[in-house]
Amino acid sequence: MNMDVLAAIQKRREITSFKETPISDTDLNKLTMALYLSPTGNNLPSREFIVITNKPLLAQLSKTTPYMQWLEQAAAGIVIIGNEELSKYWLQDASIAGGYLWLAATSLGLGAAWGAVYHSEDHSESSQRENYVRELLDIPAKLRVVAILGLGYSAIDPPPKEMYSQDTVFHLNSFGSQ
């Protein structure tokens, strides 16, 4: 199942309940290509990725925060790492890569969920989460752990999103005009 980008954007949902079906190597390769091709500021490799298919390791990673228990059910996980020494855009680059991954997964008929590790407003919480993942995966201390995306075939078919009015978020030529 392949779909165009707009269709993937419209279909994308946060999926936190997965079937036990593994993801094929072909599809994993497509997902890693989406990550690799995602844009970065100044075309610097300011984000790196760890692909996790080991189920016991996914179970350990599901304990990174109390909100990531769904990762234990995922067929795969992608840890997104940022290098703040390489680029001042490390967080944007890592976040864009996660968005590309999510849309690529959706286009392949997979579900995904975003597990935030980096916490911009709580240094202590961020440090605790990042260090937990660093220790499990031997990530160097100088790198930032931004997120873990869980991937797999959805165990449910979620309904379409109910969106707010476009007038809420769009302005024409200046703020407050439509």
N, C-alpha and C. Protein backbone atom coordinates (compact mmCIF):
# COMPACT_ATOMS: atom_id res chain seq x y z
N MET A 1 0.84 -1.18 0.00
CA MET A 1 0.00 0.00 0.00
C MET A 1 0.89 1.24 0.00
N ASN A 2 0.86 1.97 -1.08
CA ASN A 2 1.57 3.24 -1.15
C ASN A 2 0.56 4.33 -1.42
N MET A 3 0.77 5.48 -0.82
CA MET A 3 -0.14 6.60 -1.02
C MET A 3 0.66 7.87 -1.19
N ASP A 4 0.02 8.89 -1.75
CA ASP A 4 0.73 10.15 -1.91
C ASP A 4 0.86 10.84 -0.55
N VAL A 5 1.67 11.87 -0.50
CA VAL A 5 2.00 12.51 0.77
C VAL A 5 0.77 13.10 1.44
N LEU A 6 -0.07 13.81 0.69
CA LEU A 6 -1.25 14.41 1.30
C LEU A 6 -2.19 13.35 1.87
N ALA A 7 -2.34 12.24 1.18
CA ALA A 7 -3.17 11.15 1.70
C ALA A 7 -2.57 10.59 3.00
N ALA A 8 -1.26 10.47 3.05
CA ALA A 8 -0.60 10.00 4.28
C ALA A 8 -0.81 10.99 5.42
N ILE A 9 -0.74 12.29 5.12
CA ILE A 9 -0.96 13.31 6.15
C ILE A 9 -2.39 13.21 6.68
N GLN A 10 -3.35 13.01 5.77
CA GLN A 10 -4.75 12.91 6.19
C GLN A 10 -5.03 11.64 6.99
N LYS A 11 -4.35 10.55 6.67
CA LYS A 11 -4.60 9.26 7.33
C LYS A 11 -3.82 9.11 8.65
N ARG A 12 -2.74 9.83 8.81
CA ARG A 12 -1.84 9.66 9.96
C ARG A 12 -2.59 9.85 11.29
N ARG A 13 -2.36 8.91 12.19
CA ARG A 13 -2.89 8.96 13.56
C ARG A 13 -1.80 8.46 14.49
N GLU A 14 -1.94 8.76 15.75
CA GLU A 14 -1.03 8.14 16.73
C GLU A 14 -1.60 6.77 17.05
N ILE A 15 -0.83 5.74 16.75
CA ILE A 15 -1.25 4.36 16.96
C ILE A 15 -0.45 3.80 18.14
N THR A 16 -1.17 3.35 19.16
CA THR A 16 -0.50 2.83 20.35
C THR A 16 -0.91 1.39 20.66
N SER A 17 -1.54 0.75 19.71
CA SER A 17 -1.91 -0.65 19.85
C SER A 17 -1.56 -1.35 18.55
N PHE A 18 -0.64 -2.31 18.64
CA PHE A 18 -0.08 -2.93 17.44
C PHE A 18 -0.36 -4.42 17.38
N LYS A 19 -0.47 -4.94 16.15
CA LYS A 19 -0.52 -6.38 15.91
C LYS A 19 0.87 -6.95 16.11
N GLU A 20 0.96 -8.26 16.21
CA GLU A 20 2.26 -8.90 16.41
C GLU A 20 3.01 -9.14 15.10
N THR A 21 2.48 -8.67 13.99
CA THR A 21 3.07 -8.87 12.67
C THR A 21 4.39 -8.10 12.54
N PRO A 22 5.47 -8.77 12.16
CA PRO A 22 6.74 -8.04 11.97
C PRO A 22 6.70 -7.16 10.72
N ILE A 23 7.57 -6.18 10.68
CA ILE A 23 7.73 -5.30 9.52
C ILE A 23 8.77 -5.94 8.61
N SER A 24 8.48 -6.01 7.33
CA SER A 24 9.41 -6.65 6.39
C SER A 24 10.71 -5.83 6.29
N ASP A 25 11.78 -6.52 5.90
CA ASP A 25 13.06 -5.83 5.69
C ASP A 25 12.93 -4.77 4.60
N THR A 26 12.13 -5.07 3.57
CA THR A 26 11.91 -4.10 2.49
C THR A 26 11.31 -2.82 3.04
N ASP A 27 10.28 -2.94 3.87
CA ASP A 27 9.65 -1.76 4.44
C ASP A 27 10.56 -1.05 5.44
N LEU A 28 11.31 -1.81 6.23
CA LEU A 28 12.27 -1.17 7.14
C LEU A 28 13.30 -0.37 6.36
N ASN A 29 13.73 -0.90 5.22
CA ASN A 29 14.69 -0.17 4.37
C ASN A 29 14.07 1.12 3.83
N LYS A 30 12.79 1.08 3.46
CA LYS A 30 12.10 2.28 2.99
C LYS A 30 12.00 3.32 4.12
N LEU A 31 11.73 2.86 5.32
CA LEU A 31 11.63 3.77 6.47
C LEU A 31 12.98 4.42 6.78
N THR A 32 14.04 3.63 6.72
CA THR A 32 15.36 4.22 7.00
C THR A 32 15.76 5.18 5.88
N MET A 33 15.33 4.92 4.66
CA MET A 33 15.61 5.85 3.56
C MET A 33 14.88 7.18 3.79
N ALA A 34 13.64 7.12 4.28
CA ALA A 34 12.90 8.35 4.59
C ALA A 34 13.65 9.17 5.64
N LEU A 35 14.20 8.49 6.64
CA LEU A 35 14.98 9.19 7.67
C LEU A 35 16.23 9.80 7.07
N TYR A 36 16.93 9.02 6.29
CA TYR A 36 18.19 9.46 5.68
C TYR A 36 17.99 10.69 4.79
N LEU A 37 16.87 10.69 4.04
CA LEU A 37 16.62 11.76 3.07
C LEU A 37 15.94 12.99 3.69
N SER A 38 15.58 12.92 4.96
CA SER A 38 14.92 14.07 5.59
C SER A 38 15.89 15.25 5.63
N PRO A 39 15.36 16.47 5.46
CA PRO A 39 16.24 17.64 5.37
C PRO A 39 16.87 18.01 6.70
N THR A 40 18.02 18.67 6.60
CA THR A 40 18.69 19.21 7.79
C THR A 40 19.23 20.59 7.45
N GLY A 41 19.36 21.42 8.49
CA GLY A 41 19.96 22.73 8.30
C GLY A 41 21.38 22.60 7.81
N ASN A 42 21.71 23.31 6.76
CA ASN A 42 23.05 23.30 6.17
C ASN A 42 23.49 21.92 5.70
N ASN A 43 22.54 21.01 5.50
CA ASN A 43 22.81 19.64 5.04
C ASN A 43 23.83 18.92 5.92
N LEU A 44 23.78 19.19 7.22
CA LEU A 44 24.69 18.53 8.17
C LEU A 44 24.00 17.31 8.77
N PRO A 45 24.76 16.24 9.04
CA PRO A 45 24.16 15.04 9.65
C PRO A 45 23.96 15.23 11.16
N SER A 46 23.11 16.18 11.52
CA SER A 46 22.92 16.55 12.92
C SER A 46 21.98 15.62 13.67
N ARG A 47 21.44 14.63 12.96
CA ARG A 47 20.58 13.64 13.60
C ARG A 47 21.00 12.26 13.16
N GLU A 48 20.92 11.34 14.10
CA GLU A 48 21.26 9.95 13.83
C GLU A 48 20.14 9.09 14.36
N PHE A 49 20.14 7.82 13.98
CA PHE A 49 19.01 6.95 14.28
C PHE A 49 19.49 5.57 14.71
N ILE A 50 18.79 5.00 15.65
CA ILE A 50 19.03 3.61 16.03
C ILE A 50 17.74 2.85 15.76
N VAL A 51 17.84 1.84 14.89
CA VAL A 51 16.69 1.01 14.54
C VAL A 51 16.66 -0.15 15.53
N ILE A 52 15.53 -0.32 16.19
CA ILE A 52 15.38 -1.38 17.20
C ILE A 52 14.32 -2.36 16.72
N THR A 53 14.71 -3.63 16.57
CA THR A 53 13.75 -4.68 16.24
C THR A 53 13.74 -5.77 17.31
N ASN A 54 14.63 -5.67 18.27
CA ASN A 54 14.74 -6.63 19.36
C ASN A 54 13.61 -6.37 20.36
N LYS A 55 12.67 -7.34 20.48
CA LYS A 55 11.49 -7.15 21.33
C LYS A 55 11.84 -6.93 22.81
N PRO A 56 12.78 -7.67 23.41
CA PRO A 56 13.12 -7.39 24.81
C PRO A 56 13.69 -5.97 24.99
N LEU A 57 14.43 -5.49 24.00
CA LEU A 57 14.97 -4.13 24.07
C LEU A 57 13.84 -3.09 23.94
N LEU A 58 12.87 -3.35 23.07
CA LEU A 58 11.70 -2.47 22.97
C LEU A 58 10.95 -2.42 24.31
N ALA A 59 10.86 -3.58 24.97
CA ALA A 59 10.20 -3.63 26.28
C ALA A 59 10.95 -2.77 27.29
N GLN A 60 12.27 -2.83 27.28
CA GLN A 60 13.07 -1.98 28.19
C GLN A 60 12.88 -0.50 27.85
N LEU A 61 12.90 -0.17 26.57
CA LEU A 61 12.73 1.22 26.16
C LEU A 61 11.34 1.76 26.49
N SER A 62 10.35 0.86 26.59
CA SER A 62 8.99 1.30 26.91
C SER A 62 8.91 1.90 28.32
N LYS A 63 9.95 1.70 29.11
CA LYS A 63 9.99 2.24 30.47
C LYS A 63 10.68 3.61 30.54
N THR A 64 11.03 4.17 29.38
CA THR A 64 11.70 5.47 29.34
C THR A 64 10.86 6.54 30.02
N THR A 65 9.57 6.53 29.77
CA THR A 65 8.63 7.42 30.46
C THR A 65 7.39 6.58 30.77
N PRO A 66 6.54 7.04 31.68
CA PRO A 66 5.31 6.29 31.98
C PRO A 66 4.32 6.31 30.81
N TYR A 67 4.60 7.10 29.78
CA TYR A 67 3.66 7.28 28.68
C TYR A 67 4.04 6.49 27.43
N MET A 68 5.01 5.58 27.55
CA MET A 68 5.48 4.85 26.36
C MET A 68 5.29 3.34 26.48
N GLN A 69 4.33 2.90 27.27
CA GLN A 69 4.14 1.45 27.43
C GLN A 69 3.79 0.76 26.11
N TRP A 70 3.16 1.49 25.20
CA TRP A 70 2.79 0.95 23.89
C TRP A 70 4.00 0.48 23.08
N LEU A 71 5.18 0.99 23.40
CA LEU A 71 6.39 0.62 22.65
C LEU A 71 6.69 -0.87 22.79
N GLU A 72 6.26 -1.47 23.88
CA GLU A 72 6.48 -2.90 24.10
C GLU A 72 5.76 -3.74 23.04
N GLN A 73 4.64 -3.25 22.52
CA GLN A 73 3.87 -3.96 21.49
C GLN A 73 4.40 -3.72 20.08
N ALA A 74 5.17 -2.67 19.88
CA ALA A 74 5.61 -2.27 18.54
C ALA A 74 6.49 -3.35 17.91
N ALA A 75 6.42 -3.43 16.58
CA ALA A 75 7.28 -4.35 15.84
C ALA A 75 8.69 -3.80 15.72
N ALA A 76 8.81 -2.48 15.75
CA ALA A 76 10.13 -1.83 15.65
C ALA A 76 10.05 -0.47 16.32
N GLY A 77 11.20 0.04 16.65
CA GLY A 77 11.30 1.39 17.19
C GLY A 77 12.47 2.09 16.53
N ILE A 78 12.35 3.39 16.42
CA ILE A 78 13.44 4.20 15.89
C ILE A 78 13.77 5.25 16.94
N VAL A 79 15.00 5.22 17.42
CA VAL A 79 15.47 6.22 18.37
C VAL A 79 16.10 7.33 17.55
N ILE A 80 15.64 8.56 17.77
CA ILE A 80 16.15 9.71 17.04
C ILE A 80 17.06 10.51 17.97
N ILE A 81 18.29 10.71 17.52
CA ILE A 81 19.33 11.35 18.31
C ILE A 81 19.75 12.64 17.62
N GLY A 82 19.97 13.69 18.38
CA GLY A 82 20.44 14.95 17.82
C GLY A 82 21.84 15.28 18.30
N ASN A 83 22.61 15.95 17.44
CA ASN A 83 23.97 16.35 17.78
C ASN A 83 24.03 17.87 17.85
N GLU A 84 23.89 18.40 19.06
CA GLU A 84 23.86 19.85 19.23
C GLU A 84 25.23 20.50 19.01
N GLU A 85 26.30 19.71 19.03
CA GLU A 85 27.63 20.26 18.75
C GLU A 85 27.84 20.48 17.25
N LEU A 86 27.12 19.71 16.44
CA LEU A 86 27.29 19.77 14.99
C LEU A 86 26.45 20.87 14.34
N SER A 87 25.27 21.13 14.91
CA SER A 87 24.38 22.11 14.30
C SER A 87 23.45 22.73 15.34
N LYS A 88 23.24 24.02 15.22
CA LYS A 88 22.29 24.69 16.10
C LYS A 88 20.85 24.30 15.77
N TYR A 89 20.65 23.61 14.66
CA TYR A 89 19.32 23.17 14.24
C TYR A 89 19.05 21.70 14.58
N TRP A 90 19.82 21.13 15.49
CA TRP A 90 19.72 19.71 15.79
C TRP A 90 18.31 19.27 16.17
N LEU A 91 17.60 20.08 16.96
CA LEU A 91 16.27 19.69 17.41
C LEU A 91 15.27 19.75 16.25
N GLN A 92 15.34 20.80 15.45
CA GLN A 92 14.46 20.89 14.29
C GLN A 92 14.73 19.74 13.32
N ASP A 93 16.01 19.47 13.06
CA ASP A 93 16.38 18.40 12.13
C ASP A 93 15.88 17.05 12.60
N ALA A 94 16.03 16.78 13.89
CA ALA A 94 15.56 15.50 14.45
C ALA A 94 14.04 15.41 14.38
N SER A 95 13.36 16.52 14.66
CA SER A 95 11.89 16.52 14.63
C SER A 95 11.36 16.33 13.21
N ILE A 96 11.97 17.00 12.25
CA ILE A 96 11.55 16.83 10.86
C ILE A 96 11.76 15.38 10.42
N ALA A 97 12.86 14.78 10.81
CA ALA A 97 13.11 13.38 10.46
C ALA A 97 12.01 12.48 11.01
N GLY A 98 11.59 12.76 12.25
CA GLY A 98 10.50 11.98 12.84
C GLY A 98 9.21 12.13 12.07
N GLY A 99 8.93 13.34 11.60
CA GLY A 99 7.74 13.57 10.78
C GLY A 99 7.80 12.81 9.47
N TYR A 100 8.96 12.84 8.83
CA TYR A 100 9.13 12.09 7.58
C TYR A 100 8.92 10.60 7.82
N LEU A 101 9.50 10.09 8.90
CA LEU A 101 9.35 8.67 9.24
C LEU A 101 7.88 8.32 9.43
N TRP A 102 7.17 9.15 10.18
CA TRP A 102 5.77 8.88 10.48
C TRP A 102 4.93 8.83 9.20
N LEU A 103 5.16 9.79 8.30
CA LEU A 103 4.41 9.80 7.05
C LEU A 103 4.80 8.62 6.16
N ALA A 104 6.07 8.27 6.12
CA ALA A 104 6.49 7.10 5.33
C ALA A 104 5.84 5.84 5.89
N ALA A 105 5.81 5.71 7.21
CA ALA A 105 5.18 4.54 7.83
C ALA A 105 3.70 4.47 7.46
N THR A 106 3.02 5.60 7.55
CA THR A 106 1.60 5.64 7.19
C THR A 106 1.39 5.24 5.74
N SER A 107 2.26 5.72 4.86
CA SER A 107 2.12 5.40 3.43
C SER A 107 2.32 3.92 3.15
N LEU A 108 3.02 3.23 4.06
CA LEU A 108 3.26 1.79 3.90
C LEU A 108 2.22 0.94 4.62
N GLY A 109 1.21 1.60 5.20
CA GLY A 109 0.17 0.86 5.92
C GLY A 109 0.53 0.55 7.36
N LEU A 110 1.55 1.21 7.87
CA LEU A 110 1.98 1.00 9.25
C LEU A 110 1.43 2.10 10.15
N GLY A 111 1.32 1.79 11.42
CA GLY A 111 0.98 2.79 12.42
C GLY A 111 2.24 3.22 13.14
N ALA A 112 2.17 4.39 13.77
CA ALA A 112 3.32 4.91 14.51
C ALA A 112 2.85 5.73 15.69
N ALA A 113 3.71 5.83 16.68
CA ALA A 113 3.48 6.70 17.83
C ALA A 113 4.79 7.36 18.20
N TRP A 114 4.69 8.60 18.67
CA TRP A 114 5.85 9.41 19.05
C TRP A 114 6.03 9.36 20.55
N GLY A 115 7.17 8.91 20.99
CA GLY A 115 7.51 8.93 22.41
C GLY A 115 8.56 9.99 22.65
N ALA A 116 8.16 11.09 23.26
CA ALA A 116 9.09 12.18 23.53
C ALA A 116 10.06 11.79 24.63
N VAL A 117 11.33 11.96 24.37
CA VAL A 117 12.36 11.73 25.37
C VAL A 117 12.90 13.08 25.82
N TYR A 118 13.39 13.87 24.90
CA TYR A 118 13.87 15.22 25.21
C TYR A 118 12.70 16.06 25.71
N HIS A 119 12.92 16.78 26.80
CA HIS A 119 11.87 17.62 27.40
C HIS A 119 12.45 19.03 27.54
N SER A 120 12.02 19.93 26.65
CA SER A 120 12.62 21.27 26.60
C SER A 120 12.31 22.13 27.82
N GLU A 121 11.27 21.82 28.55
CA GLU A 121 10.87 22.67 29.67
C GLU A 121 11.28 22.12 31.03
N ASP A 122 11.78 20.89 31.07
CA ASP A 122 12.16 20.29 32.35
C ASP A 122 13.50 19.58 32.17
N HIS A 123 14.56 20.31 32.49
CA HIS A 123 15.92 19.78 32.28
C HIS A 123 16.14 18.49 33.06
N SER A 124 15.68 18.44 34.29
CA SER A 124 15.87 17.26 35.12
C SER A 124 15.16 16.04 34.53
N GLU A 125 13.92 16.23 34.12
CA GLU A 125 13.15 15.13 33.51
C GLU A 125 13.81 14.68 32.20
N SER A 126 14.23 15.64 31.40
CA SER A 126 14.88 15.32 30.14
C SER A 126 16.16 14.52 30.39
N SER A 127 16.94 14.97 31.33
CA SER A 127 18.20 14.29 31.66
C SER A 127 17.95 12.85 32.10
N GLN A 128 16.94 12.66 32.94
CA GLN A 128 16.62 11.31 33.42
C GLN A 128 16.21 10.41 32.25
N ARG A 129 15.33 10.90 31.39
CA ARG A 129 14.86 10.11 30.25
C ARG A 129 16.01 9.81 29.28
N GLU A 130 16.75 10.86 28.93
CA GLU A 130 17.85 10.68 27.96
C GLU A 130 18.90 9.72 28.49
N ASN A 131 19.26 9.86 29.76
CA ASN A 131 20.29 8.99 30.34
C ASN A 131 19.83 7.54 30.37
N TYR A 132 18.56 7.31 30.63
CA TYR A 132 18.03 5.94 30.62
C TYR A 132 18.25 5.30 29.24
N VAL A 133 17.90 6.03 28.19
CA VAL A 133 18.06 5.51 26.83
C VAL A 133 19.53 5.41 26.46
N ARG A 134 20.33 6.41 26.84
CA ARG A 134 21.77 6.38 26.55
C ARG A 134 22.42 5.12 27.11
N GLU A 135 22.09 4.81 28.36
CA GLU A 135 22.70 3.63 29.01
C GLU A 135 22.29 2.34 28.32
N LEU A 136 21.01 2.23 27.95
CA LEU A 136 20.54 1.01 27.28
C LEU A 136 21.20 0.80 25.92
N LEU A 137 21.46 1.90 25.20
CA LEU A 137 21.89 1.80 23.80
C LEU A 137 23.32 2.27 23.56
N ASP A 138 24.07 2.53 24.62
CA ASP A 138 25.48 2.97 24.50
C ASP A 138 25.63 4.24 23.67
N ILE A 139 24.74 5.18 23.86
CA ILE A 139 24.79 6.45 23.13
C ILE A 139 25.75 7.39 23.84
N PRO A 140 26.68 8.00 23.12
CA PRO A 140 27.63 8.93 23.75
C PRO A 140 26.91 10.09 24.45
N ALA A 141 27.48 10.53 25.56
CA ALA A 141 26.88 11.58 26.40
C ALA A 141 26.69 12.90 25.65
N LYS A 142 27.51 13.17 24.65
CA LYS A 142 27.41 14.45 23.94
C LYS A 142 26.20 14.53 23.00
N LEU A 143 25.54 13.40 22.76
CA LEU A 143 24.38 13.38 21.86
C LEU A 143 23.09 13.47 22.67
N ARG A 144 22.07 14.08 22.08
CA ARG A 144 20.76 14.25 22.73
C ARG A 144 19.79 13.21 22.19
N VAL A 145 19.04 12.60 23.08
CA VAL A 145 18.02 11.64 22.67
C VAL A 145 16.70 12.41 22.57
N VAL A 146 16.21 12.57 21.36
CA VAL A 146 15.03 13.40 21.11
C VAL A 146 13.73 12.63 21.30
N ALA A 147 13.63 11.46 20.67
CA ALA A 147 12.37 10.72 20.70
C ALA A 147 12.60 9.27 20.31
N ILE A 148 11.58 8.47 20.60
CA ILE A 148 11.52 7.09 20.11
C ILE A 148 10.17 6.94 19.43
N LEU A 149 10.19 6.54 18.17
CA LEU A 149 8.95 6.26 17.46
C LEU A 149 8.74 4.76 17.43
N GLY A 150 7.57 4.33 17.85
CA GLY A 150 7.19 2.94 17.76
C GLY A 150 6.44 2.71 16.46
N LEU A 151 6.72 1.59 15.81
CA LEU A 151 6.14 1.29 14.50
C LEU A 151 5.56 -0.11 14.48
N GLY A 152 4.49 -0.30 13.74
CA GLY A 152 3.91 -1.62 13.58
C GLY A 152 2.58 -1.52 12.86
N TYR A 153 1.97 -2.66 12.67
CA TYR A 153 0.65 -2.71 12.04
C TYR A 153 -0.39 -2.45 13.12
N SER A 154 -1.26 -1.49 12.86
CA SER A 154 -2.25 -1.07 13.84
C SER A 154 -3.22 -2.20 14.18
N ALA A 155 -3.49 -2.36 15.46
CA ALA A 155 -4.47 -3.34 15.92
C ALA A 155 -5.89 -2.77 15.85
N ILE A 156 -6.00 -1.47 15.60
CA ILE A 156 -7.31 -0.81 15.49
C ILE A 156 -7.32 0.06 14.23
N ASP A 157 -8.50 0.43 13.80
CA ASP A 157 -8.63 1.36 12.68
C ASP A 157 -9.27 2.63 13.24
N PRO A 158 -8.44 3.60 13.61
CA PRO A 158 -8.99 4.79 14.26
C PRO A 158 -9.86 5.62 13.32
N PRO A 159 -10.85 6.30 13.87
CA PRO A 159 -11.71 7.15 13.04
C PRO A 159 -10.94 8.37 12.55
N PRO A 160 -11.51 9.05 11.55
CA PRO A 160 -10.86 10.29 11.09
C PRO A 160 -10.75 11.30 12.23
N LYS A 161 -9.72 12.14 12.15
CA LYS A 161 -9.53 13.18 13.16
C LYS A 161 -10.62 14.23 13.05
N GLU A 162 -11.03 14.74 14.19
CA GLU A 162 -11.93 15.89 14.22
C GLU A 162 -11.05 17.11 14.40
N MET A 163 -10.99 17.92 13.38
CA MET A 163 -10.11 19.08 13.38
C MET A 163 -10.87 20.34 13.77
N TYR A 164 -10.14 21.30 14.27
CA TYR A 164 -10.67 22.63 14.55
C TYR A 164 -10.73 23.39 13.22
N SER A 165 -11.41 24.52 13.23
CA SER A 165 -11.57 25.34 12.03
C SER A 165 -10.21 25.82 11.52
N GLN A 166 -10.04 25.85 10.21
CA GLN A 166 -8.80 26.35 9.63
C GLN A 166 -8.58 27.81 9.99
N ASP A 167 -9.65 28.56 10.20
CA ASP A 167 -9.52 29.97 10.60
C ASP A 167 -8.77 30.14 11.91
N THR A 168 -8.73 29.08 12.71
CA THR A 168 -8.04 29.12 13.99
C THR A 168 -6.53 29.26 13.82
N VAL A 169 -6.00 28.74 12.72
CA VAL A 169 -4.55 28.68 12.57
C VAL A 169 -3.98 29.40 11.35
N PHE A 170 -4.83 29.82 10.42
CA PHE A 170 -4.33 30.48 9.22
C PHE A 170 -4.61 31.98 9.24
N HIS A 171 -3.63 32.73 8.79
CA HIS A 171 -3.72 34.18 8.68
C HIS A 171 -3.19 34.54 7.29
N LEU A 172 -3.72 35.59 6.69
CA LEU A 172 -3.29 36.00 5.36
C LEU A 172 -2.59 37.35 5.44
N ASN A 173 -1.31 37.32 5.14
CA ASN A 173 -0.46 38.52 5.06
C ASN A 173 -0.13 39.17 6.39
N SER A 174 -0.93 38.99 7.40
CA SER A 174 -0.58 39.49 8.75
C SER A 174 -1.39 38.70 9.77
N PHE A 175 -0.91 38.70 10.98
CA PHE A 175 -1.58 37.95 12.04
C PHE A 175 -2.95 38.56 12.30
N GLY A 176 -3.94 37.70 12.44
CA GLY A 176 -5.29 38.15 12.77
C GLY A 176 -6.17 38.40 11.57
N SER A 177 -5.62 38.33 10.36
CA SER A 177 -6.45 38.52 9.17
C SER A 177 -6.67 37.18 8.49
N GLN A 178 -7.80 37.07 7.77
CA GLN A 178 -8.10 35.79 7.13
C GLN A 178 -8.46 35.91 5.68
